Protein backbone atom coordinates (compact mmCIF):
# COMPACT_ATOMS: atom_id res chain seq x y z
CA MET A 1 -26.90 192.80 117.93
CA SER A 2 -26.30 195.91 115.76
CA ILE A 3 -25.25 194.41 112.14
CA LEU A 4 -23.58 195.85 109.19
CA ILE A 5 -24.63 194.59 106.01
CA THR A 6 -22.76 195.37 103.02
CA GLY A 7 -24.15 195.44 99.46
CA SER A 8 -27.39 196.77 100.90
CA THR A 9 -28.65 198.03 97.61
CA GLY A 10 -28.08 194.78 96.15
CA PHE A 11 -30.85 191.71 95.91
CA VAL A 12 -29.50 189.73 98.94
CA GLY A 13 -28.57 192.81 100.86
CA ARG A 14 -31.65 194.62 100.26
CA ASN A 15 -34.00 191.70 101.38
CA LEU A 16 -31.90 191.10 104.85
CA VAL A 17 -31.98 194.82 105.43
CA GLU A 18 -35.68 194.94 105.14
CA LEU A 19 -36.10 191.56 107.04
CA PHE A 20 -33.33 192.01 109.71
CA SER A 21 -35.41 195.38 110.28
CA LYS A 22 -38.53 194.02 110.40
CA ASN A 23 -37.22 191.89 113.20
CA LYS A 24 -36.09 194.51 115.27
CA TYR A 25 -32.33 194.30 114.78
CA PRO A 26 -30.26 197.80 114.56
CA ILE A 27 -29.12 197.83 110.90
CA LEU A 28 -26.29 199.73 109.42
CA ALA A 29 -26.64 199.81 105.47
CA LEU A 30 -24.63 201.97 103.18
CA SER A 31 -24.47 202.18 99.54
CA LYS A 32 -21.21 202.22 97.48
CA LYS A 33 -21.36 206.06 97.75
CA GLU A 34 -21.49 206.43 101.23
CA LEU A 35 -18.72 203.99 101.93
CA ASP A 36 -16.28 202.30 99.15
CA LEU A 37 -15.23 199.14 100.88
CA THR A 38 -12.26 198.94 98.47
CA LYS A 39 -10.50 201.74 100.26
CA SER A 40 -9.07 200.48 103.62
CA ASP A 41 -8.78 203.85 105.44
CA ASP A 42 -12.55 204.65 104.64
CA VAL A 43 -13.31 201.44 106.07
CA GLY A 44 -11.11 201.88 109.09
CA LYS A 45 -12.55 205.18 110.07
CA TYR A 46 -16.17 203.81 109.58
CA PHE A 47 -15.41 201.22 111.86
CA GLU A 48 -14.01 203.52 114.50
CA ASN A 49 -16.83 205.91 114.36
CA ASN A 50 -19.62 202.92 114.28
CA HIS A 51 -20.95 200.29 116.99
CA ILE A 52 -20.68 197.13 114.99
CA GLU A 53 -21.40 193.69 116.47
CA ALA A 54 -22.21 191.62 113.35
CA ILE A 55 -21.17 192.21 109.40
CA VAL A 56 -22.97 190.12 106.75
CA HIS A 57 -20.87 190.90 104.04
CA CYS A 58 -23.03 190.62 100.67
CA ALA A 59 -21.19 193.15 98.56
CA THR A 60 -19.62 191.86 95.31
CA THR A 61 -18.62 193.34 91.77
CA LEU A 62 -21.52 192.79 89.71
CA ARG A 63 -21.72 191.46 86.01
CA GLU A 64 -21.98 194.66 83.35
CA PRO A 65 -24.30 193.04 82.04
CA ILE A 66 -23.71 189.61 81.47
CA ALA A 67 -19.63 189.91 81.90
CA TYR A 68 -17.72 190.71 85.15
CA PRO A 69 -15.21 193.85 85.03
CA ALA A 70 -11.49 192.72 84.47
CA ASP A 71 -11.26 193.96 88.07
CA THR A 72 -13.43 192.05 89.80
CA CYS A 73 -11.29 189.50 91.56
CA GLU A 74 -9.01 192.56 93.04
CA ASN A 75 -12.22 194.16 93.92
CA ASN A 76 -13.79 191.74 95.90
CA LEU A 77 -10.58 190.77 97.68
CA ARG A 78 -10.19 194.24 98.64
CA MET A 79 -13.47 194.58 100.35
CA PHE A 80 -13.19 191.49 102.18
CA PHE A 81 -9.50 192.03 103.48
CA ASN A 82 -10.35 195.65 104.21
CA ILE A 83 -13.29 194.57 106.73
CA GLN A 84 -11.29 191.71 108.12
CA LYS A 85 -8.42 193.80 108.77
CA HIS A 86 -10.64 196.42 110.88
CA MET A 87 -12.62 193.87 112.42
CA THR A 88 -12.32 193.67 116.19
CA PRO A 89 -12.17 190.24 117.86
CA SER A 90 -15.60 190.90 119.20
CA MET A 91 -17.03 191.27 115.94
CA LYS A 92 -18.24 188.47 113.80
CA MET A 93 -18.29 188.49 109.79
CA ILE A 94 -20.76 186.44 107.90
CA ASN A 95 -19.41 186.28 104.25
CA LEU A 96 -21.56 185.15 101.47
CA GLY A 97 -19.81 182.41 99.33
CA SER A 98 -20.93 180.72 96.05
CA GLY A 99 -21.32 177.12 94.88
CA SER A 100 -18.83 178.41 91.80
CA GLU A 101 -16.25 178.01 94.07
CA TYR A 102 -16.29 174.41 93.13
CA GLY A 103 -15.17 175.10 89.61
CA ARG A 104 -17.82 175.29 86.65
CA ASN A 105 -16.09 172.66 84.65
CA TYR A 106 -16.24 170.23 87.51
CA TRP A 107 -19.48 170.48 89.13
CA ARG A 108 -21.05 167.16 89.96
CA LYS A 109 -24.34 166.44 91.86
CA LYS A 110 -24.89 167.66 95.63
CA MET A 111 -21.18 168.64 96.09
CA PRO A 112 -20.11 168.20 100.00
CA GLU A 113 -17.95 170.83 101.51
CA GLU A 114 -14.89 168.37 101.28
CA TYR A 115 -15.30 168.70 97.31
CA PHE A 116 -13.84 172.53 97.98
CA ASN A 117 -10.23 173.02 96.67
CA LYS A 118 -10.21 169.90 94.38
CA HIS A 119 -10.19 172.45 91.66
CA ILE A 120 -9.68 175.95 90.95
CA PRO A 121 -12.35 178.10 89.32
CA GLN A 122 -11.30 179.75 86.15
CA ASP A 123 -13.47 183.29 86.14
CA SER A 124 -12.36 185.86 88.33
CA HIS A 125 -15.57 186.07 90.28
CA SER A 126 -15.46 182.70 91.34
CA TYR A 127 -11.78 182.72 91.89
CA SER A 128 -12.01 185.58 94.16
CA LYS A 129 -14.71 183.61 96.16
CA TYR A 130 -12.53 180.87 96.48
CA LEU A 131 -9.74 182.52 97.67
CA ILE A 132 -11.90 184.00 100.40
CA SER A 133 -13.03 180.65 101.15
CA LYS A 134 -9.66 179.63 101.34
CA TYR A 135 -8.66 182.27 103.53
CA ILE A 136 -11.47 181.51 106.12
CA GLN A 137 -10.94 177.88 106.09
CA ASP A 138 -7.07 177.87 106.59
CA ILE A 139 -7.38 180.51 109.32
CA ASN A 140 -10.08 179.11 111.32
CA ARG A 141 -11.29 181.96 113.20
CA GLU A 142 -14.61 181.38 115.29
CA ASN A 143 -15.48 184.77 114.13
CA LEU A 144 -15.40 184.36 110.56
CA ILE A 145 -18.04 182.14 108.73
CA CYS A 146 -18.89 181.68 104.91
CA LEU A 147 -22.09 180.49 103.63
CA ARG A 148 -21.83 179.11 99.98
CA ILE A 149 -24.92 180.08 97.98
CA PHE A 150 -25.75 177.93 94.95
CA GLY A 151 -29.41 179.43 93.58
CA ILE A 152 -31.20 182.00 95.24
CA PHE A 153 -34.25 183.96 94.57
CA GLY A 154 -37.01 186.34 95.85
CA LYS A 155 -38.02 189.65 95.24
CA TYR A 156 -35.73 192.83 94.24
CA GLU A 157 -33.81 190.21 92.15
CA ASP A 158 -32.72 191.50 88.67
CA TYR A 159 -35.54 189.77 86.75
CA ARG A 160 -33.59 190.49 83.45
CA TYR A 161 -31.04 187.83 84.30
CA LYS A 162 -32.39 185.36 87.25
CA PHE A 163 -34.39 182.50 85.86
CA ILE A 164 -37.40 182.35 88.37
CA SER A 165 -38.29 185.91 88.36
CA ASN A 166 -37.57 186.14 84.26
CA ALA A 167 -39.81 183.31 83.65
CA ILE A 168 -42.43 184.70 86.06
CA VAL A 169 -42.20 188.37 84.57
CA LYS A 170 -42.61 186.61 80.73
CA ASN A 171 -45.59 184.87 81.64
CA LEU A 172 -47.20 188.06 82.96
CA LEU A 173 -46.36 189.61 79.77
CA ASN A 174 -47.73 186.84 77.50
CA MET A 175 -44.45 185.85 76.43
CA PRO A 176 -43.21 182.22 76.00
CA ILE A 177 -40.60 180.83 78.62
CA VAL A 178 -37.43 179.78 76.54
CA ILE A 179 -34.99 177.69 78.27
CA ASN A 180 -31.70 177.02 76.80
CA GLN A 181 -31.33 173.75 78.23
CA ASN A 182 -32.75 172.12 81.26
CA VAL A 183 -30.76 172.11 84.50
CA ILE A 184 -31.06 171.38 88.21
CA TYR A 185 -30.55 173.78 90.63
CA ASP A 186 -30.63 174.25 94.32
CA TYR A 187 -32.56 177.22 94.28
CA LEU A 188 -32.99 179.00 98.01
CA TYR A 189 -35.62 181.20 98.70
CA ILE A 190 -34.34 184.62 100.49
CA THR A 191 -36.66 184.16 103.43
CA ASP A 192 -35.11 180.80 104.24
CA PHE A 193 -31.35 182.47 103.70
CA PHE A 194 -32.62 185.13 106.17
CA LYS A 195 -33.40 182.80 108.73
CA ILE A 196 -30.24 180.94 108.39
CA VAL A 197 -28.20 183.97 108.36
CA GLU A 198 -30.03 185.07 111.73
CA TYR A 199 -28.97 181.67 113.28
CA PHE A 200 -25.06 182.23 112.36
CA ILE A 201 -25.15 185.68 113.72
CA ASN A 202 -26.55 184.69 117.17
CA ASN A 203 -24.76 181.08 117.61
CA LYS A 204 -21.15 179.82 117.79
CA THR A 205 -20.57 176.94 115.20
CA LYS A 206 -17.98 174.12 115.09
CA ASN A 207 -17.75 174.32 111.22
CA ARG A 208 -16.94 177.77 109.49
CA ILE A 209 -17.66 176.77 106.13
CA PHE A 210 -21.34 175.70 105.07
CA ASN A 211 -23.22 174.92 101.77
CA VAL A 212 -26.43 176.90 102.30
CA THR A 213 -28.86 175.10 99.99
CA PRO A 214 -32.50 173.17 100.29
CA THR A 215 -32.22 169.41 100.44
CA LYS A 216 -34.48 169.03 97.23
CA SER A 217 -33.04 170.33 93.94
CA ILE A 218 -35.41 171.44 91.12
CA ASP A 219 -35.07 171.79 87.39
CA LEU A 220 -35.93 174.76 85.25
CA LEU A 221 -38.69 172.96 83.21
CA THR A 222 -40.61 172.18 86.54
CA ILE A 223 -40.28 175.77 87.82
CA ALA A 224 -41.92 176.74 84.24
CA ASN A 225 -44.75 174.29 84.85
CA ILE A 226 -45.37 175.45 88.42
CA ILE A 227 -45.61 179.27 87.14
CA ASN A 228 -47.92 178.18 84.51
CA LYS A 229 -50.26 176.28 87.23
CA LEU A 230 -50.04 179.72 89.28
CA SER A 231 -51.24 181.85 86.31
CA ASP A 232 -54.41 182.24 84.45
CA LYS A 233 -52.18 182.52 81.36
CA LYS A 234 -50.17 179.53 80.27
CA SER A 235 -46.83 180.31 78.60
CA GLU A 236 -45.51 178.30 75.87
CA ILE A 237 -42.55 176.38 77.16
CA GLN A 238 -39.42 176.14 74.78
CA VAL A 239 -36.62 173.84 75.66
CA LEU A 240 -33.74 174.56 72.74
CA ASN A 241 -31.24 171.60 73.83
CA GLN A 242 -32.29 168.34 74.75
CA GLY A 243 -31.09 166.59 78.15
CA ILE A 244 -30.38 167.80 81.29
CA ALA A 245 -27.19 169.80 81.64
CA VAL A 246 -24.89 169.54 84.88
CA ASP A 247 -26.27 169.63 88.19
CA TYR A 248 -25.43 172.92 90.23
CA SER A 249 -26.19 171.48 93.66
CA GLY A 250 -24.68 170.95 96.96
CA ASP A 251 -25.01 168.63 99.96
CA ASN A 252 -26.48 170.58 103.02
CA LYS A 253 -25.90 167.85 105.60
CA ARG A 254 -23.22 169.90 107.51
CA LEU A 255 -25.82 172.60 107.52
CA LEU A 256 -28.81 170.49 108.94
CA SER A 257 -26.51 169.26 111.68
CA GLU A 258 -26.00 172.59 112.80
CA ILE A 259 -29.44 173.99 112.37
CA LYS A 260 -31.65 171.05 113.34
CA ASP A 261 -35.08 170.54 111.93
CA PHE A 262 -34.73 173.57 109.72
CA GLN A 263 -37.88 173.45 107.52
CA PHE A 264 -37.17 174.96 103.86
CA ILE A 265 -40.23 176.52 102.26
CA GLU A 266 -41.74 174.30 99.46
CA TYR A 267 -40.94 175.40 96.04
CA GLU A 268 -44.45 175.75 95.28
CA LYS A 269 -45.24 178.19 98.21
CA ALA A 270 -41.95 180.42 97.49
CA ILE A 271 -42.74 180.72 93.65
CA ALA A 272 -46.38 181.57 94.39
CA GLU A 273 -45.08 184.52 96.83
CA LEU A 274 -42.62 185.86 94.36
CA PHE A 275 -45.39 185.41 91.41
CA ALA A 276 -47.80 187.52 93.65
CA TYR A 277 -45.27 190.23 93.71
CA TYR A 278 -44.38 190.74 90.18
CA LYS A 279 -48.21 190.68 89.59
CA GLU A 280 -48.38 193.64 91.92
CA THR A 281 -45.31 195.36 90.45
CA LYS A 282 -46.23 194.60 86.95
CA ASP A 283 -46.81 198.05 85.68
CA THR A 284 -42.91 198.82 86.82
CA LEU A 285 -41.15 196.04 84.54
CA ASP A 286 -38.98 196.95 81.80
CA VAL A 287 -40.81 195.14 79.10
CA ASP A 288 -38.08 196.35 76.36
CA ALA A 289 -35.23 194.54 78.69
CA ILE A 290 -37.25 191.36 78.74
CA LYS A 291 -37.74 191.18 74.96
CA GLN A 292 -34.36 191.56 74.24
CA ASP A 293 -33.93 188.30 76.47
CA ILE A 294 -30.32 188.77 77.59
CA TYR A 295 -30.67 186.28 79.90
CA LEU A 296 -30.88 183.48 77.31
CA ASP A 297 -28.03 184.98 75.53
CA TYR A 298 -26.23 184.51 78.84
CA ALA A 299 -27.27 181.04 79.14
CA LYS A 300 -26.09 180.14 75.73
CA GLU A 301 -22.80 181.78 76.31
CA LEU A 302 -22.28 179.58 79.46
CA ARG A 303 -23.43 176.30 78.01
CA LYS A 304 -20.72 176.80 75.19
CA LYS A 305 -18.12 178.01 77.31
CA TYR A 306 -18.44 175.12 80.06
CA PHE A 307 -20.50 172.23 79.21
CA ILE A 308 -20.09 171.39 75.59
């Protein structure tokens, strides 16, 4: 099974390339410089010249540094539809969706897939994800699947902006872990995500769209305490605003009805693996960027915009 992984230099794509390769899958992985997915003719030529059986579409427009560019929606749509246009009937595409498709203003605990399209997201990134999911849902083709991710974590993620990695790095640098407000998340470990993607590549499914979330949710304060238990150094944990903000979690019954008996890695074990990774790579960390704490500024802005 030859697999094209788009966005292969990003957090999720890089991990998938590594894990699929480790499991002996033939992988095609290109950077944006090698293939610009927003250019339809270039995508067509690449598909003509390469043997592709499955596509895991991870590529997306990134924040710069905490705000999305003005052309985010257009570029995300162009990338998806250029790939979809040049697919042959024998190819399968696994598209990475987002829990933000449900609309940040209307998040509720353990949102099921049926909650989709009750509200339309406001920001351009989430709106592009929403439109792609709507297309996959409406066209209902066997070879188009959307895996809707809520929180996801693991090595190679941007520790400047992602909470679990950010908190681990702060602990290793003897800094306090500052939480703007406690929030409950469905955080999926990257190794679990690989196993799920592998299943969908190799199996036909009744449904086309799935919430890809663990059964158990976890809050930020609990994560910070787990990190302190793992470390010889105990970080001061500061919570700036009382209470718990709106859940960001999804119902995974549809996923588990498809992949029966799937066992998610316990949070403690997954965080311990990530802690060990950062401990080994501590000397490569951008200490100045961590001290600037752009992540905290981003969290404050989101709370002000959507939840106050």
